[in-house]
Amino acid sequence: MTPARTIFRLLAAAALGGGLWACTPTVKIEPIKVEPIHVTLDINLKVDRELDDFFAFEKQAVTTAPAPGAAQP
C-alpha cells in the first residue's frame, strides 16, 4: 500500500468520524420536580380489627355454649 493511499484513508476516516460527531443531537437536562406522596394503607385493617373487637362477644358465646345434644347438669 502506498503512503498516499494510507494518508487518504486516514483523512477520509477522520472526516467521516468528525461529520458523524457533528450530527449528534444535543440533550437538555431539566431538574426533576419532587412532590410529596401521601399513601394510606391501614384503613381496611383498622376497620377489620375494630369489627373483630366489636363482635368478640359473639365468639366467646359460641365457644362457651354447650354442644347440641349434650347433657346438662
Protein backbone atom coordinates (compact mmCIF):
# COMPACT_ATOMS: atom_id res chain seq x y z
CA MET A 1 0.00 0.00 0.00
CA THR A 2 1.37 3.37 -0.91
CA PRO A 3 1.78 6.13 1.63
CA ALA A 4 -0.57 8.38 -0.38
CA ARG A 5 -3.37 5.82 -0.08
CA THR A 6 -2.80 5.42 3.64
CA ILE A 7 -2.92 9.17 4.19
CA PHE A 8 -6.06 9.42 2.05
CA ARG A 9 -7.77 6.68 4.08
CA LEU A 10 -6.84 8.32 7.37
CA LEU A 11 -8.14 11.70 6.18
CA ALA A 12 -11.37 10.11 4.91
CA ALA A 13 -11.90 8.30 8.21
CA ALA A 14 -11.26 11.49 10.18
CA ALA A 15 -13.67 13.49 8.02
CA LEU A 16 -16.34 10.82 8.30
CA GLY A 17 -15.88 10.48 12.05
CA GLY A 18 -15.93 14.24 12.55
CA GLY A 19 -19.02 14.55 10.41
CA LEU A 20 -20.86 11.95 12.42
CA TRP A 21 -19.84 13.59 15.68
CA ALA A 22 -21.15 16.95 14.47
CA CYS A 23 -24.57 15.42 13.77
CA THR A 24 -25.17 14.14 17.31
CA PRO A 25 -28.23 15.71 18.93
CA THR A 26 -27.87 17.87 22.00
CA VAL A 27 -29.58 16.71 25.17
CA LYS A 28 -31.18 19.22 27.51
CA ILE A 29 -31.35 18.07 31.12
CA GLU A 30 -34.05 19.67 33.23
CA PRO A 31 -34.27 19.40 37.02
CA ILE A 32 -36.57 16.75 38.43
CA LYS A 33 -39.55 18.08 40.38
CA VAL A 34 -40.14 16.08 43.57
CA GLU A 35 -43.54 16.31 45.23
CA PRO A 36 -44.74 14.58 48.38
CA ILE A 37 -46.93 11.50 48.00
CA HIS A 38 -49.49 10.65 50.68
CA VAL A 39 -50.46 7.00 50.90
CA THR A 40 -52.79 5.43 53.46
CA LEU A 41 -52.86 1.66 53.51
CA ASP A 42 -54.03 0.77 57.00
CA ILE A 43 -57.68 1.89 56.74
CA ASN A 44 -59.11 -1.52 55.89
CA LEU A 45 -57.01 -3.26 58.52
CA LYS A 46 -58.07 -0.77 61.17
CA VAL A 47 -61.77 -1.22 60.37
CA ASP A 48 -61.36 -5.01 60.29
CA ARG A 49 -59.70 -5.01 63.73
CA GLU A 50 -62.39 -2.73 65.18
CA LEU A 51 -65.11 -5.05 63.84
CA ASP A 52 -63.32 -8.06 65.33
CA ASP A 53 -63.17 -6.30 68.70
CA PHE A 54 -66.83 -5.27 68.45
CA PHE A 55 -68.05 -8.80 67.66
CA ALA A 56 -65.68 -10.56 70.09
CA PHE A 57 -68.60 -11.26 72.46
CA GLU A 58 -70.20 -13.50 69.81
CA LYS A 59 -67.06 -15.60 69.52
CA GLN A 60 -66.99 -16.02 73.31
CA ALA A 61 -70.67 -17.01 73.35
CA VAL A 62 -70.09 -19.66 70.70
CA THR A 63 -67.08 -21.16 72.45
CA THR A 64 -68.75 -21.24 75.90
CA ALA A 65 -72.12 -22.57 74.71
CA PRO A 66 -72.75 -26.27 75.34
CA ALA A 67 -72.69 -28.59 72.38
CA PRO A 68 -76.13 -29.53 70.99
CA GLY A 69 -77.45 -32.74 72.49
CA ALA A 70 -75.07 -32.63 75.43
CA ALA A 71 -76.49 -33.48 78.84
CA GLN A 72 -76.94 -30.54 81.16
CA PRO A 73 -76.38 -30.99 84.92
